[in-house]
Structure formats: C-alpha cells, structure tokens
C-alpha cells in the first residue's frame, strides 16, 4: 500500500511537472518538482526506499525523454543513494542543507545528461546547466515543509519491525 501511494504521488508530480512548470521556463529550462520532491524525501528515508524512489521517478521521467531511455533512472539511482547517505548524517529540522544537496544533485544530473547527450550527438540546452539548479533550489524552498509532512503520513511512514 505504501509503494502504491508513493507511485500515485509520483504520477501526480509528473503531471504537474509536464503541465505547469513549462510555463515558468527560462531559456526553455526549468526545474523538476518530481526530482526535487523525491530527492528531499530520499534524504529522510533509507537506502531501500531511495532505490524505489529512483526507479519510480526515473522511469516516469524517461517516458518523456526520447533520446536515451534509462538515463534518468540511472542518474536518479546514484544521486538518490548519495542523498540517502547524506540524509543519515543530518539532524531533522535542518532546512538549508537538504535543499543545498538536492540542488547540487540536480546540477550534477543536468551536467551528466548534457554530456551524455553531447556524446551521442544530440544537441542540448547548455543554459540549463545553470538555470535548472536555481529552479530546483526555489522549488525545494517552497516544498520542503510539504515533503516533511508527506514523510509523516501514516501510510508513507516506515514503521520499525523486529
């Protein structure tokens, strides 16, 4: 039930990503609320959940990415595992550090995507290397409390089992 609820959340965020955020684009670049939301959520969970979040969000992002299917999933997997590792060392209640690390993860993802697309001969938007992390930081500031509240929902909250 927990993973189904997370999947429905991901689909809703993807729809929001694809319908509303393009209206706020600068040089045809904008941040991803799906990546930001699940990046912040991955910092509040463990490695197993980070893998599930990366697969769900990566496959959904790859649906709308025609050039290299699986590239979003692979980059999300490595970045969410890194964010989960950083999240284990943070105290709850800190807002600046999770947003900073998700912004850096988005910058790394954008750079890797542009480089791989360049290597396979697809011309990308080079302005997005600078614009997408800024949008991600703004989105992270706006939704951080929502992600914290989401992680405390009884369906989503992972209970200890002995």
N, C-alpha and C. Protein backbone atom coordinates (compact mmCIF):
# COMPACT_ATOMS: atom_id res chain seq x y z
N UNK A 1 0.82 -1.18 0.00
CA UNK A 1 0.00 0.00 0.00
C UNK A 1 0.87 1.26 0.00
N UNK A 2 1.97 1.17 0.72
CA UNK A 2 2.88 2.32 0.84
C UNK A 2 3.48 2.69 -0.51
N UNK A 3 3.95 1.69 -1.25
CA UNK A 3 4.58 1.95 -2.55
C UNK A 3 3.56 2.39 -3.59
N UNK A 4 2.35 1.91 -3.49
CA UNK A 4 1.29 2.36 -4.40
C UNK A 4 0.99 3.83 -4.16
N UNK A 5 0.92 4.23 -2.89
CA UNK A 5 0.69 5.64 -2.56
C UNK A 5 1.84 6.51 -3.08
N UNK A 6 3.06 6.03 -2.94
CA UNK A 6 4.22 6.77 -3.46
C UNK A 6 4.15 6.84 -4.99
N UNK A 7 3.71 5.78 -5.64
CA UNK A 7 3.57 5.78 -7.10
C UNK A 7 2.52 6.80 -7.54
N UNK A 8 1.39 6.86 -6.86
CA UNK A 8 0.37 7.85 -7.21
C UNK A 8 0.88 9.27 -6.99
N UNK A 9 1.65 9.47 -5.94
CA UNK A 9 2.26 10.78 -5.71
C UNK A 9 3.21 11.13 -6.84
N UNK A 10 3.99 10.16 -7.28
CA UNK A 10 4.94 10.40 -8.38
C UNK A 10 4.21 10.75 -9.68
N UNK A 11 3.13 10.06 -9.97
CA UNK A 11 2.38 10.35 -11.18
C UNK A 11 1.77 11.75 -11.11
N UNK A 12 1.24 12.12 -9.96
CA UNK A 12 0.69 13.47 -9.79
C UNK A 12 1.78 14.52 -9.98
N UNK A 13 2.95 14.31 -9.38
CA UNK A 13 4.04 15.27 -9.52
C UNK A 13 4.56 15.33 -10.96
N UNK A 14 4.58 14.20 -11.65
CA UNK A 14 4.98 14.19 -13.05
C UNK A 14 4.01 14.99 -13.91
N UNK A 15 2.72 14.82 -13.66
CA UNK A 15 1.73 15.60 -14.39
C UNK A 15 1.91 17.09 -14.13
N UNK A 16 2.18 17.44 -12.90
CA UNK A 16 2.44 18.84 -12.54
C UNK A 16 3.71 19.33 -13.24
N UNK A 17 4.71 18.46 -13.28
CA UNK A 17 5.98 18.77 -13.96
C UNK A 17 5.77 19.08 -15.43
N UNK A 18 4.95 18.28 -16.07
CA UNK A 18 4.80 18.39 -17.52
C UNK A 18 3.76 19.42 -17.95
N UNK A 19 2.88 19.84 -17.05
CA UNK A 19 1.82 20.77 -17.44
C UNK A 19 2.01 22.18 -16.92
N UNK A 20 2.45 22.35 -15.70
CA UNK A 20 2.52 23.68 -15.09
C UNK A 20 3.91 24.29 -15.18
N UNK A 21 4.94 23.54 -14.86
CA UNK A 21 6.28 24.11 -14.79
C UNK A 21 6.82 24.65 -16.12
N UNK A 22 6.46 24.11 -17.27
CA UNK A 22 6.96 24.71 -18.52
C UNK A 22 6.54 26.17 -18.72
N UNK A 23 5.47 26.60 -18.05
CA UNK A 23 5.06 27.99 -18.16
C UNK A 23 6.02 28.94 -17.44
N UNK A 24 6.84 28.39 -16.55
CA UNK A 24 7.79 29.20 -15.79
C UNK A 24 9.22 29.02 -16.30
N UNK A 25 9.38 28.55 -17.52
CA UNK A 25 10.71 28.25 -18.02
C UNK A 25 11.47 29.52 -18.40
N UNK A 26 12.78 29.44 -18.26
CA UNK A 26 13.70 30.49 -18.68
C UNK A 26 14.67 29.83 -19.65
N UNK A 27 14.78 30.34 -20.87
CA UNK A 27 15.59 29.73 -21.93
C UNK A 27 15.23 28.26 -22.13
N UNK A 28 13.94 27.96 -22.05
CA UNK A 28 13.41 26.60 -22.19
C UNK A 28 13.97 25.63 -21.16
N UNK A 29 14.33 26.12 -19.99
CA UNK A 29 14.83 25.28 -18.91
C UNK A 29 14.01 25.55 -17.65
N UNK A 30 13.73 24.50 -16.92
CA UNK A 30 13.01 24.63 -15.67
C UNK A 30 13.34 23.45 -14.78
N UNK A 31 13.11 23.59 -13.50
CA UNK A 31 13.41 22.53 -12.55
C UNK A 31 12.35 21.45 -12.57
N UNK A 32 12.65 20.37 -11.91
CA UNK A 32 11.72 19.24 -11.84
C UNK A 32 11.21 19.11 -10.41
N UNK A 33 9.91 19.27 -10.25
CA UNK A 33 9.33 19.12 -8.92
C UNK A 33 9.36 17.64 -8.50
N UNK A 34 9.30 16.73 -9.46
CA UNK A 34 9.38 15.30 -9.16
C UNK A 34 10.75 14.95 -8.59
N UNK A 35 11.82 15.41 -9.24
CA UNK A 35 13.17 15.13 -8.75
C UNK A 35 13.40 15.80 -7.40
N UNK A 36 12.95 17.03 -7.25
CA UNK A 36 13.16 17.76 -6.01
C UNK A 36 12.40 17.12 -4.85
N UNK A 37 11.13 16.79 -5.07
CA UNK A 37 10.31 16.19 -4.02
C UNK A 37 10.91 14.87 -3.56
N UNK A 38 11.20 13.98 -4.52
CA UNK A 38 11.72 12.68 -4.13
C UNK A 38 13.18 12.74 -3.69
N UNK A 39 13.92 13.74 -4.14
CA UNK A 39 15.28 13.94 -3.63
C UNK A 39 15.26 14.31 -2.16
N UNK A 40 14.38 15.24 -1.80
CA UNK A 40 14.24 15.61 -0.39
C UNK A 40 13.69 14.43 0.42
N UNK A 41 12.76 13.70 -0.16
CA UNK A 41 12.19 12.54 0.54
C UNK A 41 13.22 11.43 0.71
N UNK A 42 14.11 11.27 -0.28
CA UNK A 42 15.16 10.25 -0.18
C UNK A 42 16.12 10.58 0.96
N UNK A 43 16.29 11.85 1.28
CA UNK A 43 17.16 12.22 2.39
C UNK A 43 16.54 11.88 3.73
N UNK A 44 15.23 11.64 3.75
CA UNK A 44 14.54 11.32 5.01
C UNK A 44 14.27 9.83 5.17
N UNK A 45 14.71 9.02 4.19
CA UNK A 45 14.43 7.59 4.24
C UNK A 45 15.74 6.80 4.17
N UNK A 46 15.61 5.49 4.00
CA UNK A 46 16.79 4.64 3.96
C UNK A 46 17.16 4.29 2.51
N UNK A 47 18.16 3.44 2.36
CA UNK A 47 18.67 3.10 1.03
C UNK A 47 17.64 2.35 0.19
N UNK A 48 16.90 1.44 0.81
CA UNK A 48 15.90 0.67 0.07
C UNK A 48 14.84 1.59 -0.53
N UNK A 49 14.38 2.54 0.26
CA UNK A 49 13.39 3.49 -0.25
C UNK A 49 14.00 4.40 -1.31
N UNK A 50 15.27 4.75 -1.16
CA UNK A 50 15.93 5.59 -2.16
C UNK A 50 15.99 4.88 -3.51
N UNK A 51 16.23 3.57 -3.49
CA UNK A 51 16.25 2.81 -4.73
C UNK A 51 14.86 2.78 -5.37
N UNK A 52 13.83 2.55 -4.56
CA UNK A 52 12.46 2.52 -5.08
C UNK A 52 12.08 3.89 -5.64
N UNK A 53 12.41 4.95 -4.92
CA UNK A 53 12.11 6.30 -5.39
C UNK A 53 12.83 6.62 -6.69
N UNK A 54 14.07 6.19 -6.79
CA UNK A 54 14.86 6.45 -8.01
C UNK A 54 14.27 5.71 -9.20
N UNK A 55 13.87 4.48 -9.00
CA UNK A 55 13.30 3.71 -10.10
C UNK A 55 11.96 4.30 -10.55
N UNK A 56 11.10 4.61 -9.59
CA UNK A 56 9.80 5.17 -9.94
C UNK A 56 9.95 6.51 -10.65
N UNK A 57 10.70 7.42 -10.05
CA UNK A 57 10.83 8.76 -10.65
C UNK A 57 11.62 8.71 -11.95
N UNK A 58 12.64 7.87 -12.02
CA UNK A 58 13.44 7.78 -13.23
C UNK A 58 12.66 7.23 -14.42
N UNK A 59 11.89 6.18 -14.19
CA UNK A 59 11.10 5.61 -15.29
C UNK A 59 10.03 6.60 -15.75
N UNK A 60 9.40 7.28 -14.81
CA UNK A 60 8.40 8.28 -15.20
C UNK A 60 9.02 9.44 -15.97
N UNK A 61 10.22 9.86 -15.59
CA UNK A 61 10.89 10.92 -16.34
C UNK A 61 11.37 10.41 -17.69
N UNK A 62 11.75 9.16 -17.78
CA UNK A 62 12.22 8.60 -19.05
C UNK A 62 11.10 8.45 -20.06
N UNK A 63 9.86 8.38 -19.62
CA UNK A 63 8.74 8.28 -20.55
C UNK A 63 8.72 9.49 -21.48
N UNK A 64 9.05 10.66 -20.95
CA UNK A 64 9.02 11.88 -21.74
C UNK A 64 10.41 12.30 -22.23
N UNK A 65 11.37 11.39 -22.18
CA UNK A 65 12.73 11.69 -22.63
C UNK A 65 13.08 10.74 -23.76
N UNK A 66 12.98 11.18 -25.02
CA UNK A 66 13.04 10.25 -26.14
C UNK A 66 14.43 9.78 -26.54
N UNK A 67 15.49 10.40 -26.09
CA UNK A 67 16.80 10.13 -26.68
C UNK A 67 17.55 8.97 -26.04
N UNK A 68 17.47 8.83 -24.76
CA UNK A 68 18.23 7.77 -24.08
C UNK A 68 17.40 7.23 -22.92
N UNK A 69 16.55 6.24 -23.22
CA UNK A 69 15.69 5.67 -22.19
C UNK A 69 16.55 4.96 -21.14
N UNK A 70 16.33 5.27 -19.89
CA UNK A 70 17.08 4.67 -18.79
C UNK A 70 18.12 5.61 -18.21
N UNK A 71 18.42 6.68 -18.89
CA UNK A 71 19.43 7.62 -18.41
C UNK A 71 18.95 8.35 -17.15
N UNK A 72 17.71 8.77 -17.13
CA UNK A 72 17.16 9.41 -15.92
C UNK A 72 17.13 8.43 -14.75
N UNK A 73 16.75 7.20 -15.02
CA UNK A 73 16.68 6.20 -13.96
C UNK A 73 18.06 5.93 -13.36
N UNK A 74 19.04 5.80 -14.21
CA UNK A 74 20.39 5.53 -13.73
C UNK A 74 20.96 6.70 -12.92
N UNK A 75 20.80 7.91 -13.43
CA UNK A 75 21.32 9.06 -12.69
C UNK A 75 20.55 9.27 -11.39
N UNK A 76 19.22 9.09 -11.44
CA UNK A 76 18.45 9.21 -10.20
C UNK A 76 18.88 8.18 -9.17
N UNK A 77 19.18 6.97 -9.61
CA UNK A 77 19.59 5.91 -8.69
C UNK A 77 20.84 6.30 -7.92
N UNK A 78 21.87 6.73 -8.64
CA UNK A 78 23.11 7.11 -7.97
C UNK A 78 22.94 8.35 -7.10
N UNK A 79 22.19 9.32 -7.59
CA UNK A 79 22.02 10.56 -6.83
C UNK A 79 21.15 10.35 -5.60
N UNK A 80 20.07 9.58 -5.70
CA UNK A 80 19.22 9.33 -4.54
C UNK A 80 19.93 8.49 -3.48
N UNK A 81 20.76 7.54 -3.91
CA UNK A 81 21.54 6.79 -2.93
C UNK A 81 22.52 7.71 -2.20
N UNK A 82 23.13 8.63 -2.94
CA UNK A 82 24.01 9.61 -2.30
C UNK A 82 23.26 10.52 -1.36
N UNK A 83 22.07 10.95 -1.77
CA UNK A 83 21.26 11.80 -0.90
C UNK A 83 20.80 11.05 0.35
N UNK A 84 20.47 9.77 0.21
CA UNK A 84 20.09 8.98 1.38
C UNK A 84 21.25 8.84 2.35
N UNK A 85 22.46 8.68 1.81
CA UNK A 85 23.65 8.59 2.67
C UNK A 85 23.88 9.90 3.41
N UNK A 86 23.71 11.02 2.72
CA UNK A 86 23.85 12.33 3.37
C UNK A 86 22.74 12.52 4.40
N UNK A 87 21.54 12.05 4.07
CA UNK A 87 20.41 12.21 4.98
C UNK A 87 20.57 11.49 6.30
N UNK A 88 21.34 10.37 6.32
CA UNK A 88 21.57 9.66 7.57
C UNK A 88 22.37 10.49 8.56
N UNK A 89 23.19 11.41 8.07
CA UNK A 89 24.05 12.19 8.96
C UNK A 89 23.43 13.50 9.40
N UNK A 90 22.29 13.86 8.84
CA UNK A 90 21.67 15.15 9.17
C UNK A 90 20.71 15.03 10.33
N UNK A 91 20.58 16.11 11.07
CA UNK A 91 19.56 16.19 12.09
C UNK A 91 18.27 16.66 11.45
N UNK A 92 17.17 16.18 11.99
CA UNK A 92 15.88 16.61 11.46
C UNK A 92 15.63 18.06 11.88
N UNK A 93 15.04 18.80 11.01
CA UNK A 93 14.76 20.20 11.30
C UNK A 93 15.65 21.15 10.54
N UNK A 94 16.75 20.66 10.00
CA UNK A 94 17.62 21.50 9.18
C UNK A 94 16.99 21.61 7.80
N UNK A 95 16.88 22.82 7.31
CA UNK A 95 16.24 23.03 6.02
C UNK A 95 17.25 23.37 4.93
N UNK A 96 18.29 24.08 5.27
CA UNK A 96 19.22 24.59 4.28
C UNK A 96 20.05 23.49 3.64
N UNK A 97 20.57 22.58 4.43
CA UNK A 97 21.48 21.55 3.92
C UNK A 97 20.77 20.57 2.97
N UNK A 98 19.57 20.06 3.29
CA UNK A 98 18.90 19.19 2.31
C UNK A 98 18.61 19.89 0.98
N UNK A 99 18.18 21.13 1.06
CA UNK A 99 17.89 21.87 -0.17
C UNK A 99 19.18 22.09 -0.96
N UNK A 100 20.26 22.38 -0.27
CA UNK A 100 21.55 22.59 -0.94
C UNK A 100 22.01 21.31 -1.64
N UNK A 101 21.90 20.18 -0.96
CA UNK A 101 22.35 18.92 -1.56
C UNK A 101 21.46 18.48 -2.71
N UNK A 102 20.16 18.72 -2.63
CA UNK A 102 19.29 18.39 -3.75
C UNK A 102 19.59 19.31 -4.93
N UNK A 103 19.90 20.56 -4.66
CA UNK A 103 20.28 21.49 -5.73
C UNK A 103 21.58 21.04 -6.40
N UNK A 104 22.55 20.63 -5.61
CA UNK A 104 23.80 20.12 -6.17
C UNK A 104 23.58 18.82 -6.95
N UNK A 105 22.69 17.97 -6.45
CA UNK A 105 22.38 16.72 -7.17
C UNK A 105 21.71 17.03 -8.50
N UNK A 106 20.84 18.03 -8.52
CA UNK A 106 20.20 18.41 -9.78
C UNK A 106 21.22 18.99 -10.76
N UNK A 107 22.16 19.77 -10.24
CA UNK A 107 23.22 20.32 -11.10
C UNK A 107 24.07 19.19 -11.69
N UNK A 108 24.40 18.21 -10.86
CA UNK A 108 25.19 17.07 -11.35
C UNK A 108 24.40 16.27 -12.38
N UNK A 109 23.12 16.06 -12.12
CA UNK A 109 22.29 15.31 -13.07
C UNK A 109 22.19 16.05 -14.40
N UNK A 110 21.99 17.36 -14.35
CA UNK A 110 21.88 18.13 -15.58
C UNK A 110 23.18 18.09 -16.36
N UNK A 111 24.30 18.21 -15.67
CA UNK A 111 25.59 18.17 -16.33
C UNK A 111 25.85 16.81 -16.97
N UNK A 112 25.55 15.74 -16.26
CA UNK A 112 25.74 14.39 -16.80
C UNK A 112 24.83 14.16 -18.00
N UNK A 113 23.59 14.59 -17.91
CA UNK A 113 22.66 14.41 -19.03
C UNK A 113 23.14 15.17 -20.27
N UNK A 114 23.57 16.41 -20.08
CA UNK A 114 24.05 17.21 -21.22
C UNK A 114 25.30 16.56 -21.84
N UNK A 115 26.22 16.08 -20.99
CA UNK A 115 27.43 15.45 -21.51
C UNK A 115 27.13 14.16 -22.27
N UNK A 116 26.26 13.33 -21.73
CA UNK A 116 25.94 12.07 -22.42
C UNK A 116 25.19 12.35 -23.72
N UNK A 117 24.29 13.31 -23.70
CA UNK A 117 23.60 13.66 -24.94
C UNK A 117 24.57 14.21 -25.97
N UNK A 118 25.56 14.98 -25.51
CA UNK A 118 26.58 15.51 -26.42
C UNK A 118 27.38 14.36 -27.04
N UNK A 119 27.69 13.35 -26.23
CA UNK A 119 28.47 12.22 -26.73
C UNK A 119 27.71 11.38 -27.76
N UNK A 120 26.40 11.31 -27.65
CA UNK A 120 25.65 10.54 -28.63
C UNK A 120 25.17 11.41 -29.79
N UNK A 121 25.54 12.68 -29.79
CA UNK A 121 25.26 13.54 -30.93
C UNK A 121 23.98 14.34 -30.87
N UNK A 122 23.37 14.45 -29.69
CA UNK A 122 22.15 15.24 -29.54
C UNK A 122 22.52 16.56 -28.91
N UNK A 123 22.11 17.64 -29.56
CA UNK A 123 22.43 18.96 -29.03
C UNK A 123 21.45 19.31 -27.91
N UNK A 124 21.99 19.70 -26.77
CA UNK A 124 21.18 20.04 -25.62
C UNK A 124 21.20 21.54 -25.36
N UNK A 125 20.43 21.93 -24.37
CA UNK A 125 20.35 23.32 -23.95
C UNK A 125 21.41 23.55 -22.87
N UNK A 126 22.49 24.24 -23.21
CA UNK A 126 23.58 24.42 -22.27
C UNK A 126 23.26 25.42 -21.16
N UNK A 127 22.27 26.27 -21.37
CA UNK A 127 21.85 27.19 -20.31
C UNK A 127 21.21 26.44 -19.14
N UNK A 128 20.69 25.26 -19.42
CA UNK A 128 20.02 24.50 -18.37
C UNK A 128 20.98 24.06 -17.27
N UNK A 129 22.28 24.04 -17.55
CA UNK A 129 23.26 23.68 -16.51
C UNK A 129 23.21 24.69 -15.38
N UNK A 130 22.90 25.93 -15.69
CA UNK A 130 22.86 26.99 -14.68
C UNK A 130 21.44 27.25 -14.18
N UNK A 131 20.45 27.13 -15.06
CA UNK A 131 19.08 27.52 -14.71
C UNK A 131 18.36 26.44 -13.92
N UNK A 132 18.51 25.18 -14.29
CA UNK A 132 17.79 24.10 -13.63
C UNK A 132 18.11 23.99 -12.14
N UNK A 133 19.37 24.08 -11.71
CA UNK A 133 19.62 24.04 -10.26
C UNK A 133 19.01 25.23 -9.50
N UNK A 134 18.96 26.39 -10.13
CA UNK A 134 18.35 27.55 -9.47
C UNK A 134 16.86 27.30 -9.28
N UNK A 135 16.20 26.79 -10.32
CA UNK A 135 14.79 26.44 -10.20
C UNK A 135 14.58 25.37 -9.14
N UNK A 136 15.46 24.39 -9.10
CA UNK A 136 15.36 23.33 -8.11
C UNK A 136 15.48 23.88 -6.69
N UNK A 137 16.37 24.83 -6.50
CA UNK A 137 16.53 25.43 -5.18
C UNK A 137 15.25 26.18 -4.78
N UNK A 138 14.67 26.91 -5.71
CA UNK A 138 13.44 27.64 -5.41
C UNK A 138 12.30 26.67 -5.11
N UNK A 139 12.18 25.63 -5.91
CA UNK A 139 11.15 24.61 -5.67
C UNK A 139 11.38 23.93 -4.33
N UNK A 140 12.64 23.62 -4.01
CA UNK A 140 12.97 22.98 -2.73
C UNK A 140 12.59 23.84 -1.54
N UNK A 141 12.84 25.15 -1.64
CA UNK A 141 12.46 26.06 -0.56
C UNK A 141 10.95 26.06 -0.38
N UNK A 142 10.22 26.03 -1.49
CA UNK A 142 8.76 26.10 -1.42
C UNK A 142 8.12 24.80 -0.93
N UNK A 143 8.71 23.65 -1.24
CA UNK A 143 8.03 22.38 -0.90
C UNK A 143 8.67 21.61 0.24
N UNK A 144 9.68 22.15 0.89
CA UNK A 144 10.36 21.38 1.94
C UNK A 144 9.40 20.96 3.05
N UNK A 145 8.60 21.87 3.52
CA UNK A 145 7.66 21.53 4.61
C UNK A 145 6.61 20.52 4.15
N UNK A 146 6.23 20.60 2.89
CA UNK A 146 5.27 19.63 2.34
C UNK A 146 5.90 18.23 2.33
N UNK A 147 7.18 18.14 1.98
CA UNK A 147 7.86 16.84 1.97
C UNK A 147 7.98 16.28 3.38
N UNK A 148 8.27 17.15 4.35
CA UNK A 148 8.35 16.70 5.74
C UNK A 148 6.99 16.19 6.20
N UNK A 149 5.92 16.92 5.88
CA UNK A 149 4.58 16.48 6.25
C UNK A 149 4.22 15.17 5.52
N UNK A 150 4.65 15.05 4.27
CA UNK A 150 4.40 13.83 3.50
C UNK A 150 5.09 12.63 4.14
N UNK A 151 6.31 12.83 4.62
CA UNK A 151 7.06 11.72 5.22
C UNK A 151 6.46 11.27 6.55
N UNK A 152 5.60 12.09 7.13
CA UNK A 152 4.98 11.75 8.41
C UNK A 152 3.57 11.18 8.28
N UNK A 153 3.07 11.08 7.05
CA UNK A 153 1.76 10.46 6.82
C UNK A 153 1.87 8.98 7.23
N UNK A 154 0.89 8.48 7.98
CA UNK A 154 1.00 7.09 8.45
C UNK A 154 1.18 6.04 7.36
N UNK A 155 0.61 6.25 6.17
CA UNK A 155 0.79 5.28 5.09
C UNK A 155 2.22 5.29 4.58
N UNK A 156 2.84 6.47 4.53
CA UNK A 156 4.17 6.62 3.97
C UNK A 156 5.25 6.33 5.00
N UNK A 157 4.98 6.61 6.24
CA UNK A 157 5.97 6.45 7.30
C UNK A 157 6.33 4.98 7.46
N UNK A 158 7.62 4.72 7.49
CA UNK A 158 8.10 3.34 7.61
C UNK A 158 8.19 2.99 9.10
N UNK A 159 7.49 1.95 9.48
CA UNK A 159 7.47 1.52 10.87
C UNK A 159 8.59 0.51 11.13
N UNK A 160 9.09 0.53 12.35
CA UNK A 160 10.13 -0.42 12.74
C UNK A 160 9.50 -1.81 12.91
N UNK A 161 10.21 -2.80 12.38
CA UNK A 161 9.78 -4.18 12.56
C UNK A 161 10.94 -4.98 13.13
N UNK A 162 10.66 -5.77 14.12
CA UNK A 162 11.71 -6.58 14.75
C UNK A 162 11.64 -8.00 14.29
